[in-house]
Amino acid sequence: MGGGGGAALTFLFAALLIGGLTLVILVGIRAMVGGVSRPSPSPEGRGDVARQTTPTRSEARRLLDERYARGELSTEEYREHVDNLGEA
């Protein structure tokens, strides 16, 4: 009567169970050996990425000079930004 449909479902369930357990074990091992890591949050709550991308004053000045050279800033805006940076 069943025609073997139950055997196919049993096989599918067993395959999914074994695959899931294997995945859980591999992720657990990887986490224990240090393969999975997350950046620690900074006091500002932005993580390490914000610290790595914060430009130094000289880099900020270089970017400002480039924007002025491309015509993105007027002379007045440029001078105001330079004053804000504290560089002459």
Protein backbone atom coordinates (compact mmCIF):
# COMPACT_ATOMS: atom_id res chain seq x y z
CA MET A 1 0.00 0.00 0.00
CA GLY A 2 2.67 2.53 0.97
CA GLY A 3 4.72 1.96 -2.17
CA GLY A 4 8.06 2.84 -0.53
CA GLY A 5 7.29 6.52 0.16
CA GLY A 6 8.09 6.10 3.82
CA ALA A 7 11.58 4.84 3.03
CA ALA A 8 12.33 7.91 0.92
CA LEU A 9 11.19 10.24 3.70
CA THR A 10 13.24 8.33 6.25
CA PHE A 11 16.33 8.61 4.03
CA LEU A 12 15.74 12.35 3.50
CA PHE A 13 15.30 12.94 7.24
CA ALA A 14 18.47 10.98 8.05
CA ALA A 15 20.47 12.88 5.43
CA LEU A 16 19.29 16.26 6.74
CA LEU A 17 19.99 15.25 10.33
CA ILE A 18 23.52 14.07 9.54
CA GLY A 19 24.22 17.18 7.45
CA GLY A 20 22.96 19.50 10.19
CA LEU A 21 24.97 17.79 12.90
CA THR A 22 28.09 17.90 10.74
CA LEU A 23 27.61 21.63 10.16
CA VAL A 24 27.14 22.32 13.88
CA ILE A 25 30.28 20.36 14.74
CA LEU A 26 32.39 22.12 12.08
CA VAL A 27 31.24 25.58 13.15
CA GLY A 28 31.96 24.69 16.79
CA ILE A 29 35.47 23.50 15.98
CA ARG A 30 36.17 26.58 13.88
CA ALA A 31 34.99 28.87 16.69
CA MET A 32 37.24 27.09 19.20
CA VAL A 33 40.36 27.43 17.07
CA GLY A 34 39.74 31.11 16.46
CA GLY A 35 38.46 31.04 12.90
CA VAL A 36 35.34 32.98 13.81
CA SER A 37 35.92 36.43 15.26
CA ARG A 38 34.04 39.68 15.63
CA PRO A 39 35.52 43.12 16.24
CA SER A 40 35.18 44.30 19.80
CA PRO A 41 32.93 47.33 20.15
CA SER A 42 34.56 50.65 20.89
CA PRO A 43 33.23 53.02 23.53
CA GLU A 44 31.45 54.92 20.75
CA GLY A 45 29.73 51.69 19.70
CA ARG A 46 31.06 51.78 16.15
CA GLY A 47 33.53 48.87 16.35
CA ASP A 48 37.08 48.68 15.03
CA VAL A 49 36.07 49.83 11.56
CA ALA A 50 35.56 53.42 12.71
CA ARG A 51 39.02 53.48 14.27
CA GLN A 52 40.65 52.16 11.10
CA THR A 53 38.95 54.63 8.75
CA THR A 54 39.37 57.82 10.81
CA PRO A 55 41.72 60.02 8.79
CA THR A 56 44.65 61.79 10.37
CA ARG A 57 44.78 65.58 10.17
CA SER A 58 47.25 65.53 7.29
CA GLU A 59 45.11 63.02 5.41
CA ALA A 60 42.03 65.17 6.05
CA ARG A 61 43.92 68.17 4.68
CA ARG A 62 44.98 66.20 1.62
CA LEU A 63 41.38 65.21 0.93
CA LEU A 64 40.27 68.80 1.44
CA ASP A 65 42.90 70.00 -1.03
CA GLU A 66 41.73 67.44 -3.59
CA ARG A 67 38.08 68.49 -3.22
CA TYR A 68 39.08 72.15 -3.66
CA ALA A 69 41.16 71.29 -6.74
CA ARG A 70 38.19 69.45 -8.30
CA GLY A 71 36.01 72.51 -7.71
CA GLU A 72 33.74 70.82 -5.16
CA LEU A 73 34.44 73.59 -2.61
CA SER A 74 34.47 77.36 -2.99
CA THR A 75 37.46 79.30 -1.69
CA GLU A 76 35.43 80.45 1.30
CA GLU A 77 34.36 76.88 2.16
CA TYR A 78 37.92 75.64 1.72
CA ARG A 79 39.37 78.27 4.06
CA GLU A 80 36.65 77.59 6.64
CA HIS A 81 37.45 73.86 6.61
CA VAL A 82 41.19 74.52 6.86
CA ASP A 83 40.54 76.78 9.87
CA ASN A 84 38.41 74.02 11.45
CA LEU A 85 41.28 71.58 11.00
CA GLY A 86 43.64 74.01 12.71
CA GLU A 87 46.14 73.90 9.85
CA ALA A 88 47.44 76.89 7.94
